[in-house]
Protein backbone atom coordinates (compact mmCIF):
# COMPACT_ATOMS: atom_id res chain seq x y z
CA MET A 1 113.00 100.38 92.87
CA THR A 2 114.52 97.44 94.63
CA GLY A 3 114.81 96.25 98.20
CA LYS A 4 112.17 95.66 100.84
CA ALA A 5 108.99 97.53 101.61
CA MET A 6 105.96 96.91 103.77
CA PHE A 7 102.24 97.53 103.49
CA ALA A 8 100.37 97.29 106.78
CA GLY A 9 96.73 97.45 107.73
CA SER A 10 93.99 95.81 109.74
CA PHE A 11 92.48 94.35 106.55
CA ASP A 12 89.07 93.94 108.19
CA PRO A 13 88.13 92.92 105.63
CA LEU A 14 90.67 92.72 102.84
CA THR A 15 89.35 94.66 99.83
CA LEU A 16 90.21 94.60 96.15
CA GLY A 17 91.64 98.08 96.73
CA HIS A 18 94.16 96.57 99.18
CA VAL A 19 95.00 93.84 96.69
CA ASN A 20 95.52 96.45 93.98
CA ILE A 21 97.99 98.43 96.12
CA ILE A 22 99.82 95.19 96.98
CA GLU A 23 99.99 94.04 93.37
CA ARG A 24 101.37 97.37 92.22
CA SER A 25 103.85 97.47 95.11
CA CYS A 26 105.09 93.97 94.21
CA ARG A 27 106.24 95.36 90.87
CA LEU A 28 108.24 98.08 92.60
CA PHE A 29 110.12 96.09 95.23
CA ASP A 30 112.04 92.83 95.44
CA GLU A 31 110.28 91.89 98.67
CA LEU A 32 107.00 93.18 100.06
CA HIS A 33 105.92 92.46 103.62
CA VAL A 34 102.14 92.63 104.01
CA VAL A 35 101.64 93.07 107.72
CA LEU A 36 98.37 92.53 109.52
CA ALA A 37 98.36 95.17 112.24
CA VAL A 38 96.91 93.54 115.34
CA ASN A 39 95.31 95.98 117.74
CA MET A 40 93.57 94.22 120.63
CA GLU A 41 91.57 97.38 121.42
CA LYS A 42 90.06 97.53 117.93
CA LYS A 43 86.89 95.49 117.49
CA CYS A 44 87.23 93.56 114.25
CA LEU A 45 84.57 91.62 112.41
CA PHE A 46 87.07 88.91 111.47
CA SER A 47 89.63 87.23 113.70
CA GLU A 48 93.35 87.57 113.16
CA GLU A 49 93.43 84.01 111.80
CA GLU A 50 90.61 84.69 109.34
CA ARG A 51 92.26 87.86 108.08
CA LEU A 52 95.59 86.08 107.65
CA SER A 53 93.77 83.37 105.71
CA PHE A 54 92.19 85.97 103.40
CA LEU A 55 95.61 87.52 102.79
CA SER A 56 97.22 84.13 102.09
CA ALA A 57 94.53 83.17 99.58
CA ALA A 58 94.57 86.51 97.77
CA LEU A 59 98.34 86.91 97.66
CA ALA A 60 99.46 83.34 96.90
CA LYS A 61 100.22 84.32 93.30
CA PHE A 62 102.87 86.84 94.36
CA ASP A 63 106.17 85.12 95.07
CA ASN A 64 107.82 88.22 96.53
CA VAL A 65 105.20 88.77 99.27
CA LYS A 66 105.71 87.81 102.89
CA ILE A 67 102.64 87.86 105.12
CA ALA A 68 102.94 88.50 108.84
CA SER A 69 100.92 89.77 111.77
CA TYR A 70 102.34 92.19 114.32
CA SER A 71 100.92 93.73 117.47
CA GLY A 72 103.44 96.52 118.01
CA LEU A 73 104.37 99.67 116.20
CA MET A 74 104.85 99.15 112.49
CA VAL A 75 108.10 101.13 112.59
CA ASP A 76 109.40 98.50 115.01
CA TYR A 77 108.39 95.72 112.62
CA ALA A 78 110.17 97.57 109.83
CA LYS A 79 113.34 97.95 111.90
CA GLU A 80 113.30 94.30 113.01
CA ASN A 81 113.00 93.18 109.38
CA GLY A 82 115.41 95.61 107.71
CA ILE A 83 112.63 97.49 105.91
CA GLY A 84 113.13 101.15 105.05
CA ILE A 85 109.92 101.92 103.14
CA MET A 86 106.34 101.86 104.34
CA ILE A 87 103.69 101.96 101.63
CA ARG A 88 100.42 103.70 102.36
CA GLY A 89 97.47 103.68 100.00
CA VAL A 90 95.52 106.90 99.68
CA ARG A 91 92.15 107.56 98.07
CA GLY A 92 91.74 111.28 98.60
CA LEU A 93 92.64 114.29 100.68
CA SER A 94 91.16 112.97 103.92
CA ASP A 95 93.24 109.78 103.58
CA PHE A 96 96.32 111.79 102.71
CA SER A 97 95.93 114.10 105.71
CA TYR A 98 95.68 111.16 108.12
CA GLU A 99 98.46 109.19 106.43
CA PHE A 100 100.75 112.23 106.29
CA GLU A 101 100.44 112.75 110.06
CA LEU A 102 101.10 109.05 110.62
CA ALA A 103 104.18 109.23 108.37
CA MET A 104 105.51 112.21 110.34
CA ASN A 105 104.99 110.38 113.63
CA ASN A 106 106.75 107.30 112.25
CA LYS A 107 109.62 109.51 111.05
CA MET A 108 109.98 110.97 114.56
CA ILE A 109 110.19 107.46 116.02
CA ASN A 110 112.55 106.12 113.34
CA SER A 111 114.19 108.69 111.08
CA SER A 112 115.34 106.04 108.60
CA ILE A 113 111.77 105.07 107.64
CA GLU A 114 110.42 106.57 104.42
CA THR A 115 106.75 106.53 103.50
CA LEU A 116 105.60 106.05 99.93
CA PHE A 117 102.04 107.26 99.27
CA LEU A 118 100.45 105.24 96.50
CA PRO A 119 97.13 106.50 95.15
CA THR A 120 94.51 103.89 94.55
CA ASP A 121 93.38 103.06 91.04
CA ALA A 122 90.21 104.97 90.15
CA SER A 123 88.09 101.81 90.13
CA PHE A 124 88.84 101.30 93.85
CA PHE A 125 88.52 104.93 94.92
CA LEU A 126 85.35 104.41 96.96
CA LEU A 127 86.26 101.14 98.68
CA ARG A 128 86.44 101.36 102.47
CA SER A 129 86.45 98.30 104.70
CA SER A 130 84.00 99.90 107.14
CA GLN A 131 81.50 100.68 104.39
CA ILE A 132 81.83 97.21 102.91
CA LYS A 133 81.03 95.66 106.29
CA GLU A 134 78.01 97.92 106.70
CA MET A 135 76.69 97.19 103.21
CA ALA A 136 77.21 93.45 103.72
CA SER A 137 75.32 93.62 107.01
CA TYR A 138 72.30 94.88 105.01
CA LYS A 139 72.72 92.03 102.52
CA ALA A 140 74.05 94.25 99.71
CA ASP A 141 76.12 92.53 97.05
CA VAL A 142 79.77 93.45 97.71
CA SER A 143 81.27 90.70 95.56
CA ASN A 144 82.85 93.26 93.21
CA MET A 145 84.66 94.91 96.14
CA VAL A 146 86.31 91.97 97.91
CA THR A 147 87.95 88.67 97.11
CA LYS A 148 85.86 85.52 96.70
CA GLU A 149 86.97 84.23 100.13
CA VAL A 150 86.07 87.48 101.86
CA ASN A 151 82.71 87.66 100.10
CA GLU A 152 81.85 84.12 101.21
CA ALA A 153 82.89 84.93 104.78
CA LEU A 154 80.78 88.11 104.81
CA LEU A 155 77.76 86.21 103.51
CA LYS A 156 78.23 83.65 106.26
CA LYS A 157 78.72 86.29 109.01
CA PHE A 158 75.59 88.16 108.05
CA SER A 159 73.29 85.23 107.16
């Protein structure tokens, strides 16, 4: 495939599963926008600036990635940036059900948007940001689930 695609999420925190989806997507598209979805009503452990910093550190090696934050609808970001494909990572049926409904809603808002569902690699099947935060809060070792920068930040938050 060629062209532009986007992968959006709250990345609170960024996991190795996210990085895996991004890395694989980089091989499929000329340009990948990784968009931090900013939702002021969602209580995040890490600030927008911290999450952007984690993304920048983890994705510096990919020269076809553009990192941005956006507080509106992701279909609007896609339209504003000439992006026709939204990538969504899925781990199982519950993810797929939610993501499928989201894709249908996005399609109703902007019929030119296509959604590509990319299953996670098996080694990242169980990674969920919410579970990682909970485990880290109990001082569990999550270093094999997140980047070095995120692990250090979690240790600091929960020390």
